[in-house]
Amino acid sequence: MIHPALDKPYIQLICNPYEHSTSVNTRVTIEVMQKDLSRDDMIEVFEGFMKAMGYHFSPNECLGIEEHE
């Protein structure tokens, strides 16, 4: 039995298709079901979402938190 709270996304990242006749009509959706993701896990989810939308990351690049002084 699935817990009722687990069948509804906690976070949804959605990229809707362009409304132009020359673009492919594709929607990218990532649903995060877990409420207690760590900050690092959430960054990893967002990086995957960006890649799914077509953003390119070189092998030595990743999203992260940078401290400023």
Protein backbone atom coordinates (compact mmCIF):
# COMPACT_ATOMS: atom_id res chain seq x y z
CA MET A 1 0.00 0.00 0.00
CA ILE A 2 1.34 3.44 -0.99
CA HIS A 3 1.25 6.10 1.70
CA PRO A 4 -1.16 8.88 0.52
CA ALA A 5 1.48 11.59 0.97
CA LEU A 6 3.89 9.73 -1.33
CA ASP A 7 1.62 9.74 -4.39
CA LYS A 8 1.61 13.55 -4.61
CA PRO A 9 4.82 15.37 -5.61
CA TYR A 10 6.39 17.64 -3.00
CA ILE A 11 8.31 19.62 -5.67
CA GLN A 12 7.62 19.80 -9.40
CA LEU A 13 10.13 21.16 -11.90
CA ILE A 14 8.37 21.71 -15.23
CA CYS A 15 9.66 23.05 -18.53
CA ASN A 16 6.75 23.62 -20.91
CA PRO A 17 7.25 23.38 -24.67
CA TYR A 18 7.82 26.44 -26.78
CA GLU A 19 4.67 27.71 -28.41
CA HIS A 20 6.21 27.84 -31.86
CA SER A 21 5.44 25.66 -34.87
CA THR A 22 9.12 24.80 -35.52
CA SER A 23 9.88 23.46 -32.04
CA VAL A 24 9.36 19.93 -30.81
CA ASN A 25 6.33 19.82 -28.53
CA THR A 26 7.96 18.22 -25.49
CA ARG A 27 7.41 18.88 -21.79
CA VAL A 28 10.12 18.05 -19.26
CA THR A 29 8.81 17.28 -15.78
CA ILE A 30 10.68 16.10 -12.72
CA GLU A 31 8.67 15.34 -9.62
CA VAL A 32 10.36 15.10 -6.24
CA MET A 33 8.28 12.98 -3.90
CA GLN A 34 10.53 13.18 -0.85
CA LYS A 35 10.20 16.18 1.48
CA ASP A 36 13.46 15.86 3.33
CA LEU A 37 16.04 15.93 0.52
CA SER A 38 19.39 17.32 1.52
CA ARG A 39 20.58 20.50 -0.14
CA ASP A 40 23.17 18.52 -2.12
CA ASP A 41 20.51 16.05 -3.31
CA MET A 42 18.26 18.92 -4.41
CA ILE A 43 21.14 20.49 -6.36
CA GLU A 44 21.68 17.13 -8.08
CA VAL A 45 17.97 16.98 -9.00
CA PHE A 46 18.09 20.52 -10.40
CA GLU A 47 21.25 19.75 -12.39
CA GLY A 48 19.50 16.73 -13.92
CA PHE A 49 16.51 18.93 -14.78
CA MET A 50 18.76 21.46 -16.52
CA LYS A 51 20.42 18.67 -18.52
CA ALA A 52 17.00 17.31 -19.51
CA MET A 53 16.10 20.80 -20.81
CA GLY A 54 19.20 20.77 -23.00
CA TYR A 55 21.78 22.65 -20.95
CA HIS A 56 25.27 21.26 -21.44
CA PHE A 57 27.69 20.56 -18.60
CA SER A 58 31.30 19.65 -19.32
CA PRO A 59 32.60 16.58 -17.46
CA ASN A 60 34.36 18.84 -14.94
CA GLU A 61 31.31 21.07 -14.32
CA CYS A 62 28.46 20.75 -11.84
CA LEU A 63 26.02 22.90 -9.93
CA GLY A 64 26.90 23.72 -6.35
CA ILE A 65 26.95 26.24 -3.54
CA GLU A 66 29.75 28.76 -3.54
CA GLU A 67 30.64 30.75 -0.47
CA HIS A 68 31.23 34.49 -0.91
CA GLU A 69 33.09 36.65 1.57
